[in-house]
Amino acid sequence: MGVGTSIFLIAVGAVLDFAVKVHNSNFNINTIGLILMIVGAIGLLLSLMFWGSWGGFGNYRRTQRVVRDGNQTVVDERGRY
């Protein structure tokens, strides 16, 4: 679950919990909204925790070092942060 999906679940849950007033004996729509907000908050926290380990779009450089020794060529590729 991504950050956008988590924020969407929090928003839908907030609308269901705070703005909708439905009296039904089968289920409580406010409880469903609260559950959606909790699931969205947990998903948002997990997404933000793992965002740092993903690597992102920057701070990664690939370096290539070519060493030629007579007839032999060695290519060393390393990724650095």
PDB file of N, CA and C in Angstrom:
ATOM      1  N   MET A   1       0.868  -1.169   0.000  1.00  0.00           N
ATOM      2  CA  MET A   1       0.000   0.000   0.000  1.00  0.00           C
ATOM      3  C   MET A   1       0.906   1.220   0.000  1.00  0.00           C
ATOM      4  N   GLY A   2       0.608   2.148  -0.872  1.00  0.00           N
ATOM      5  CA  GLY A   2       1.434   3.337  -0.973  1.00  0.00           C
ATOM      6  C   GLY A   2       0.919   4.480  -0.125  1.00  0.00           C
ATOM      7  N   VAL A   3       1.642   5.577  -0.191  1.00  0.00           N
ATOM      8  CA  VAL A   3       1.286   6.755   0.587  1.00  0.00           C
ATOM      9  C   VAL A   3      -0.045   7.326   0.105  1.00  0.00           C
ATOM     10  N   GLY A   4      -0.241   7.385  -1.209  1.00  0.00           N
ATOM     11  CA  GLY A   4      -1.476   7.928  -1.763  1.00  0.00           C
ATOM     12  C   GLY A   4      -2.695   7.109  -1.372  1.00  0.00           C
ATOM     13  N   THR A   5      -2.570   5.790  -1.424  1.00  0.00           N
ATOM     14  CA  THR A   5      -3.675   4.919  -1.032  1.00  0.00           C
ATOM     15  C   THR A   5      -3.981   5.071   0.446  1.00  0.00           C
ATOM     16  N   SER A   6      -2.957   5.207   1.256  1.00  0.00           N
ATOM     17  CA  SER A   6      -3.166   5.369   2.693  1.00  0.00           C
ATOM     18  C   SER A   6      -3.892   6.678   3.004  1.00  0.00           C
ATOM     19  N   ILE A   7      -3.482   7.748   2.348  1.00  0.00           N
ATOM     20  CA  ILE A   7      -4.143   9.035   2.575  1.00  0.00           C
ATOM     21  C   ILE A   7      -5.587   8.981   2.081  1.00  0.00           C
ATOM     22  N   PHE A   8      -5.820   8.294   0.968  1.00  0.00           N
ATOM     23  CA  PHE A   8      -7.187   8.128   0.464  1.00  0.00           C
ATOM     24  C   PHE A   8      -8.047   7.367   1.466  1.00  0.00           C
ATOM     25  N   LEU A   9      -7.517   6.286   2.042  1.00  0.00           N
ATOM     26  CA  LEU A   9      -8.280   5.525   3.041  1.00  0.00           C
ATOM     27  C   LEU A   9      -8.571   6.358   4.284  1.00  0.00           C
ATOM     28  N   ILE A  10      -7.615   7.164   4.701  1.00  0.00           N
ATOM     29  CA  ILE A  10      -7.840   8.033   5.861  1.00  0.00           C
ATOM     30  C   ILE A  10      -8.940   9.041   5.543  1.00  0.00           C
ATOM     31  N   ALA A  11      -8.924   9.617   4.351  1.00  0.00           N
ATOM     32  CA  ALA A  11      -9.929  10.612   3.974  1.00  0.00           C
ATOM     33  C   ALA A  11     -11.323   9.993   3.876  1.00  0.00           C
ATOM     34  N   VAL A  12     -11.432   8.841   3.224  1.00  0.00           N
ATOM     35  CA  VAL A  12     -12.738   8.175   3.112  1.00  0.00           C
ATOM     36  C   VAL A  12     -13.241   7.751   4.482  1.00  0.00           C
ATOM     37  N   GLY A  13     -12.349   7.243   5.314  1.00  0.00           N
ATOM     38  CA  GLY A  13     -12.743   6.850   6.664  1.00  0.00           C
ATOM     39  C   GLY A  13     -13.208   8.032   7.491  1.00  0.00           C
ATOM     40  N   ALA A  14     -12.551   9.184   7.334  1.00  0.00           N
ATOM     41  CA  ALA A  14     -12.959  10.373   8.078  1.00  0.00           C
ATOM     42  C   ALA A  14     -14.336  10.853   7.633  1.00  0.00           C
ATOM     43  N   VAL A  15     -14.586  10.805   6.340  1.00  0.00           N
ATOM     44  CA  VAL A  15     -15.912  11.196   5.850  1.00  0.00           C
ATOM     45  C   VAL A  15     -16.980  10.252   6.387  1.00  0.00           C
ATOM     46  N   LEU A  16     -16.709   8.961   6.332  1.00  0.00           N
ATOM     47  CA  LEU A  16     -17.693   7.994   6.835  1.00  0.00           C
ATOM     48  C   LEU A  16     -17.887   8.115   8.335  1.00  0.00           C
ATOM     49  N   ASP A  17     -16.844   8.442   9.054  1.00  0.00           N
ATOM     50  CA  ASP A  17     -16.939   8.494  10.513  1.00  0.00           C
ATOM     51  C   ASP A  17     -17.565   9.792  11.008  1.00  0.00           C
ATOM     52  N   PHE A  18     -17.197  10.909  10.415  1.00  0.00           N
ATOM     53  CA  PHE A  18     -17.624  12.196  10.969  1.00  0.00           C
ATOM     54  C   PHE A  18     -18.781  12.852  10.214  1.00  0.00           C
ATOM     55  N   ALA A  19     -18.893  12.609   8.908  1.00  0.00           N
ATOM     56  CA  ALA A  19     -19.875  13.363   8.128  1.00  0.00           C
ATOM     57  C   ALA A  19     -21.144  12.583   7.807  1.00  0.00           C
ATOM     58  N   VAL A  20     -21.097  11.277   7.840  1.00  0.00           N
ATOM     59  CA  VAL A  20     -22.264  10.479   7.458  1.00  0.00           C
ATOM     60  C   VAL A  20     -22.987  10.028   8.712  1.00  0.00           C
ATOM     61  N   LYS A  21     -24.292  10.289   8.727  1.00  0.00           N
ATOM     62  CA  LYS A  21     -25.128   9.847   9.844  1.00  0.00           C
ATOM     63  C   LYS A  21     -26.206   8.914   9.306  1.00  0.00           C
ATOM     64  N   VAL A  22     -25.998   7.633   9.468  1.00  0.00           N
ATOM     65  CA  VAL A  22     -26.949   6.631   9.002  1.00  0.00           C
ATOM     66  C   VAL A  22     -27.297   5.747  10.189  1.00  0.00           C
ATOM     67  N   HIS A  23     -28.570   5.518  10.373  1.00  0.00           N
ATOM     68  CA  HIS A  23     -29.022   4.640  11.449  1.00  0.00           C
ATOM     69  C   HIS A  23     -29.504   3.341  10.820  1.00  0.00           C
ATOM     70  N   ASN A  24     -28.706   2.316  10.964  1.00  0.00           N
ATOM     71  CA  ASN A  24     -29.012   1.011  10.395  1.00  0.00           C
ATOM     72  C   ASN A  24     -28.720  -0.025  11.458  1.00  0.00           C
ATOM     73  N   SER A  25     -29.575  -0.997  11.590  1.00  0.00           N
ATOM     74  CA  SER A  25     -29.385  -2.004  12.639  1.00  0.00           C
ATOM     75  C   SER A  25     -28.420  -3.104  12.211  1.00  0.00           C
ATOM     76  N   ASN A  26     -28.123  -3.217  10.918  1.00  0.00           N
ATOM     77  CA  ASN A  26     -27.257  -4.295  10.446  1.00  0.00           C
ATOM     78  C   ASN A  26     -25.776  -3.999  10.669  1.00  0.00           C
ATOM     79  N   PHE A  27     -25.346  -2.774  10.395  1.00  0.00           N
ATOM     80  CA  PHE A  27     -23.946  -2.414  10.578  1.00  0.00           C
ATOM     81  C   PHE A  27     -23.855  -0.932  10.887  1.00  0.00           C
ATOM     82  N   ASN A  28     -22.735  -0.537  11.445  1.00  0.00           N
ATOM     83  CA  ASN A  28     -22.512   0.853  11.811  1.00  0.00           C
ATOM     84  C   ASN A  28     -21.491   1.448  10.838  1.00  0.00           C
ATOM     85  N   ILE A  29     -21.928   2.398  10.031  1.00  0.00           N
ATOM     86  CA  ILE A  29     -21.052   2.997   9.017  1.00  0.00           C
ATOM     87  C   ILE A  29     -19.934   3.803   9.666  1.00  0.00           C
ATOM     88  N   ASN A  30     -20.186   4.344  10.869  1.00  0.00           N
ATOM     89  CA  ASN A  30     -19.151   5.096  11.568  1.00  0.00           C
ATOM     90  C   ASN A  30     -18.010   4.185  12.009  1.00  0.00           C
ATOM     91  N   THR A  31     -18.325   2.968  12.390  1.00  0.00           N
ATOM     92  CA  THR A  31     -17.289   2.003  12.767  1.00  0.00           C
ATOM     93  C   THR A  31     -16.449   1.609  11.549  1.00  0.00           C
ATOM     94  N   ILE A  32     -17.085   1.460  10.405  1.00  0.00           N
ATOM     95  CA  ILE A  32     -16.350   1.156   9.180  1.00  0.00           C
ATOM     96  C   ILE A  32     -15.406   2.310   8.842  1.00  0.00           C
ATOM     97  N   GLY A  33     -15.872   3.544   9.033  1.00  0.00           N
ATOM     98  CA  GLY A  33     -15.007   4.697   8.804  1.00  0.00           C
ATOM     99  C   GLY A  33     -13.815   4.721   9.740  1.00  0.00           C
ATOM    100  N   LEU A  34     -14.040   4.380  10.996  1.00  0.00           N
ATOM    101  CA  LEU A  34     -12.937   4.331  11.969  1.00  0.00           C
ATOM    102  C   LEU A  34     -11.932   3.250  11.592  1.00  0.00           C
ATOM    103  N   ILE A  35     -12.428   2.104  11.154  1.00  0.00           N
ATOM    104  CA  ILE A  35     -11.529   1.016  10.738  1.00  0.00           C
ATOM    105  C   ILE A  35     -10.710   1.439   9.526  1.00  0.00           C
ATOM    106  N   LEU A  36     -11.340   2.120   8.563  1.00  0.00           N
ATOM    107  CA  LEU A  36     -10.598   2.589   7.390  1.00  0.00           C
ATOM    108  C   LEU A  36      -9.526   3.609   7.774  1.00  0.00           C
ATOM    109  N   MET A  37      -9.836   4.481   8.727  1.00  0.00           N
ATOM    110  CA  MET A  37      -8.821   5.450   9.163  1.00  0.00           C
ATOM    111  C   MET A  37      -7.655   4.762   9.852  1.00  0.00           C
ATOM    112  N   ILE A  38      -7.928   3.749  10.656  1.00  0.00           N
ATOM    113  CA  ILE A  38      -6.850   3.030  11.349  1.00  0.00           C
ATOM    114  C   ILE A  38      -5.976   2.276  10.346  1.00  0.00           C
ATOM    115  N   VAL A  39      -6.618   1.593   9.392  1.00  0.00           N
ATOM    116  CA  VAL A  39      -5.854   0.856   8.371  1.00  0.00           C
ATOM    117  C   VAL A  39      -5.028   1.821   7.519  1.00  0.00           C
ATOM    118  N   GLY A  40      -5.605   2.970   7.177  1.00  0.00           N
ATOM    119  CA  GLY A  40      -4.863   3.968   6.406  1.00  0.00           C
ATOM    120  C   GLY A  40      -3.680   4.528   7.175  1.00  0.00           C
ATOM    121  N   ALA A  41      -3.866   4.771   8.476  1.00  0.00           N
ATOM    122  CA  ALA A  41      -2.762   5.296   9.291  1.00  0.00           C
ATOM    123  C   ALA A  41      -1.635   4.273   9.420  1.00  0.00           C
ATOM    124  N   ILE A  42      -1.990   3.004   9.616  1.00  0.00           N
ATOM    125  CA  ILE A  42      -0.972   1.954   9.707  1.00  0.00           C
ATOM    126  C   ILE A  42      -0.234   1.819   8.371  1.00  0.00           C
ATOM    127  N   GLY A  43      -0.984   1.846   7.265  1.00  0.00           N
ATOM    128  CA  GLY A  43      -0.356   1.773   5.946  1.00  0.00           C
ATOM    129  C   GLY A  43       0.553   2.959   5.677  1.00  0.00           C
ATOM    130  N   LEU A  44       0.137   4.153   6.124  1.00  0.00           N
ATOM    131  CA  LEU A  44       0.971   5.340   5.940  1.00  0.00           C
ATOM    132  C   LEU A  44       2.264   5.238   6.737  1.00  0.00           C
ATOM    133  N   LEU A  45       2.167   4.784   7.976  1.00  0.00           N
ATOM    134  CA  LEU A  45       3.376   4.627   8.795  1.00  0.00           C
ATOM    135  C   LEU A  45       4.323   3.592   8.201  1.00  0.00           C
ATOM    136  N   LEU A  46       3.776   2.472   7.748  1.00  0.00           N
ATOM    137  CA  LEU A  46       4.639   1.448   7.146  1.00  0.00           C
ATOM    138  C   LEU A  46       5.265   1.948   5.845  1.00  0.00           C
ATOM    139  N   SER A  47       4.504   2.681   5.045  1.00  0.00           N
ATOM    140  CA  SER A  47       5.047   3.214   3.800  1.00  0.00           C
ATOM    141  C   SER A  47       6.178   4.199   4.067  1.00  0.00           C
ATOM    142  N   LEU A  48       6.007   5.050   5.071  1.00  0.00           N
ATOM    143  CA  LEU A  48       7.056   6.017   5.389  1.00  0.00           C
ATOM    144  C   LEU A  48       8.276   5.348   6.005  1.00  0.00           C
ATOM    145  N   MET A  49       8.066   4.271   6.775  1.00  0.00           N
ATOM    146  CA  MET A  49       9.202   3.558   7.359  1.00  0.00           C
ATOM    147  C   MET A  49      10.046   2.896   6.278  1.00  0.00           C
ATOM    148  N   PHE A  50       9.385   2.292   5.280  1.00  0.00           N
ATOM    149  CA  PHE A  50      10.120   1.582   4.237  1.00  0.00           C
ATOM    150  C   PHE A  50      10.534   2.481   3.092  1.00  0.00           C
ATOM    151  N   TRP A  51      10.118   3.738   3.070  1.00  0.00           N
ATOM    152  CA  TRP A  51      10.490   4.658   1.993  1.00  0.00           C
ATOM    153  C   TRP A  51      12.000   4.890   1.976  1.00  0.00           C
ATOM    154  N   GLY A  52      12.622   4.969   3.152  1.00  0.00           N
ATOM    155  CA  GLY A  52      14.064   5.193   3.227  1.00  0.00           C
ATOM    156  C   GLY A  52      14.870   4.019   2.712  1.00  0.00           C
ATOM    157  N   SER A  53      14.358   2.799   2.863  1.00  0.00           N
ATOM    158  CA  SER A  53      15.095   1.634   2.410  1.00  0.00           C
ATOM    159  C   SER A  53      14.906   1.390   0.918  1.00  0.00           C
ATOM    160  N   TRP A  54      13.939   2.063   0.289  1.00  0.00           N
ATOM    161  CA  TRP A  54      13.673   1.864  -1.122  1.00  0.00           C
ATOM    162  C   TRP A  54      14.771   2.465  -1.977  1.00  0.00           C
ATOM    163  N   GLY A  55      15.285   3.585  -1.593  1.00  0.00           N
ATOM    164  CA  GLY A  55      16.372   4.202  -2.330  1.00  0.00           C
ATOM    165  C   GLY A  55      15.984   5.501  -2.991  1.00  0.00           C
ATOM    166  N   GLY A  56      14.734   5.636  -3.351  1.00  0.00           N
ATOM    167  CA  GLY A  56      14.274   6.886  -3.921  1.00  0.00           C
ATOM    168  C   GLY A  56      14.788   7.133  -5.329  1.00  0.00           C
ATOM    169  N   PHE A  57      14.758   8.402  -5.737  1.00  0.00           N
ATOM    170  CA  PHE A  57      15.134   8.764  -7.086  1.00  0.00           C
ATOM    171  C   PHE A  57      16.498   9.433  -7.155  1.00  0.00           C
ATOM    172  N   GLY A  58      17.133   9.673  -6.046  1.00  0.00           N
ATOM    173  CA  GLY A  58      18.409  10.378  -6.093  1.00  0.00           C
ATOM    174  C   GLY A  58      19.427   9.731  -5.183  1.00  0.00           C
ATOM    175  N   ASN A  59      20.569  10.362  -5.102  1.00  0.00           N
ATOM    176  CA  ASN A  59      21.655   9.949  -4.219  1.00  0.00           C
ATOM    177  C   ASN A  59      22.251   8.594  -4.587  1.00  0.00           C
ATOM    178  N   TYR A  60      22.103   8.161  -5.811  1.00  0.00           N
ATOM    179  CA  TYR A  60      22.701   6.903  -6.231  1.00  0.00           C
ATOM    180  C   TYR A  60      23.523   7.152  -7.482  1.00  0.00           C
ATOM    181  N   ARG A  61      24.791   6.834  -7.385  1.00  0.00           N
ATOM    182  CA  ARG A  61      25.685   7.004  -8.530  1.00  0.00           C
ATOM    183  C   ARG A  61      26.329   5.674  -8.858  1.00  0.00           C
ATOM    184  N   ARG A  62      26.376   5.382 -10.120  1.00  0.00           N
ATOM    185  CA  ARG A  62      27.063   4.172 -10.557  1.00  0.00           C
ATOM    186  C   ARG A  62      28.408   4.596 -11.125  1.00  0.00           C
ATOM    187  N   THR A  63      29.446   4.008 -10.584  1.00  0.00           N
ATOM    188  CA  THR A  63      30.789   4.302 -11.081  1.00  0.00           C
ATOM    189  C   THR A  63      31.327   3.075 -11.802  1.00  0.00           C
ATOM    190  N   GLN A  64      32.113   3.325 -12.793  1.00  0.00           N
ATOM    191  CA  GLN A  64      32.686   2.234 -13.560  1.00  0.00           C
ATOM    192  C   GLN A  64      34.184   2.477 -13.686  1.00  0.00           C
ATOM    193  N   ARG A  65      34.938   1.472 -13.310  1.00  0.00           N
ATOM    194  CA  ARG A  65      36.384   1.563 -13.385  1.00  0.00           C
ATOM    195  C   ARG A  65      36.875   0.463 -14.320  1.00  0.00           C
ATOM    196  N   VAL A  66      37.632   0.853 -15.330  1.00  0.00           N
ATOM    197  CA  VAL A  66      38.164  -0.101 -16.303  1.00  0.00           C
ATOM    198  C   VAL A  66      39.671  -0.165 -16.109  1.00  0.00           C
ATOM    199  N   VAL A  67      40.156  -1.377 -15.900  1.00  0.00           N
ATOM    200  CA  VAL A  67      41.587  -1.591 -15.715  1.00  0.00           C
ATOM    201  C   VAL A  67      42.058  -2.503 -16.850  1.00  0.00           C
ATOM    202  N   ARG A  68      43.028  -2.015 -17.603  1.00  0.00           N
ATOM    203  CA  ARG A  68      43.577  -2.802 -18.702  1.00  0.00           C
ATOM    204  C   ARG A  68      45.003  -3.209 -18.343  1.00  0.00           C
ATOM    205  N   ASP A  69      45.202  -4.514 -18.353  1.00  0.00           N
ATOM    206  CA  ASP A  69      46.520  -5.053 -18.023  1.00  0.00           C
ATOM    207  C   ASP A  69      46.930  -5.991 -19.161  1.00  0.00           C
ATOM    208  N   GLY A  70      47.651  -5.452 -20.076  1.00  0.00           N
ATOM    209  CA  GLY A  70      48.077  -6.271 -21.211  1.00  0.00           C
ATOM    210  C   GLY A  70      46.881  -6.622 -22.083  1.00  0.00           C
ATOM    211  N   ASN A  71      46.588  -7.905 -22.220  1.00  0.00           N
ATOM    212  CA  ASN A  71      45.475  -8.377 -23.039  1.00  0.00           C
ATOM    213  C   ASN A  71      44.180  -8.527 -22.234  1.00  0.00           C
ATOM    214  N   GLN A  72      44.233  -8.295 -20.960  1.00  0.00           N
ATOM    215  CA  GLN A  72      43.084  -8.534 -20.086  1.00  0.00           C
ATOM    216  C   GLN A  72      42.446  -7.195 -19.673  1.00  0.00           C
ATOM    217  N   THR A  73      41.106  -7.129 -19.741  1.00  0.00           N
ATOM    218  CA  THR A  73      40.367  -5.932 -19.336  1.00  0.00           C
ATOM    219  C   THR A  73      39.429  -6.313 -18.203  1.00  0.00           C
ATOM    220  N   VAL A  74      39.507  -5.573 -17.122  1.00  0.00           N
ATOM    221  CA  VAL A  74      38.652  -5.816 -15.957  1.00  0.00           C
ATOM    222  C   VAL A  74      37.753  -4.598 -15.775  1.00  0.00           C
ATOM    223  N   VAL A  75      36.447  -4.851 -15.688  1.00  0.00           N
ATOM    224  CA  VAL A  75      35.478  -3.773 -15.471  1.00  0.00           C
ATOM    225  C   VAL A  75      34.882  -3.957 -14.080  1.00  0.00           C
ATOM    226  N   ASP A  76      35.014  -2.928 -13.273  1.00  0.00           N
ATOM    227  CA  ASP A  76      34.490  -2.957 -11.910  1.00  0.00           C
ATOM    228  C   ASP A  76      33.372  -1.918 -11.812  1.00  0.00           C
ATOM    229  N   GLU A  77      32.129  -2.387 -11.600  1.00  0.00           N
ATOM    230  CA  GLU A  77      30.994  -1.469 -11.469  1.00  0.00           C
ATOM    231  C   GLU A  77      30.530  -1.479 -10.022  1.00  0.00           C
ATOM    232  N   ARG A  78      30.399  -0.285  -9.472  1.00  0.00           N
ATOM    233  CA  ARG A  78      29.944  -0.157  -8.098  1.00  0.00           C
ATOM    234  C   ARG A  78      28.888   0.923  -8.010  1.00  0.00           C
ATOM    235  N   GLY A  79      27.906   0.672  -7.175  1.00  0.00           N
ATOM    236  CA  GLY A  79      26.918   1.693  -6.897  1.00  0.00           C
ATOM    237  C   GLY A  79      27.184   2.295  -5.526  1.00  0.00           C
ATOM    238  N   ARG A  80      27.196   3.630  -5.439  1.00  0.00           N
ATOM    239  CA  ARG A  80      27.457   4.297  -4.170  1.00  0.00           C
ATOM    240  C   ARG A  80      26.294   5.208  -3.835  1.00  0.00           C
ATOM    241  N   TYR A  81      26.112   5.396  -2.563  1.00  0.00           N
ATOM    242  CA  TYR A  81      25.100   6.336  -2.090  1.00  0.00           C
ATOM    243  C   TYR A  81      25.740   7.612  -1.637  1.00  0.00           C
TER     244      TYR A  81
END
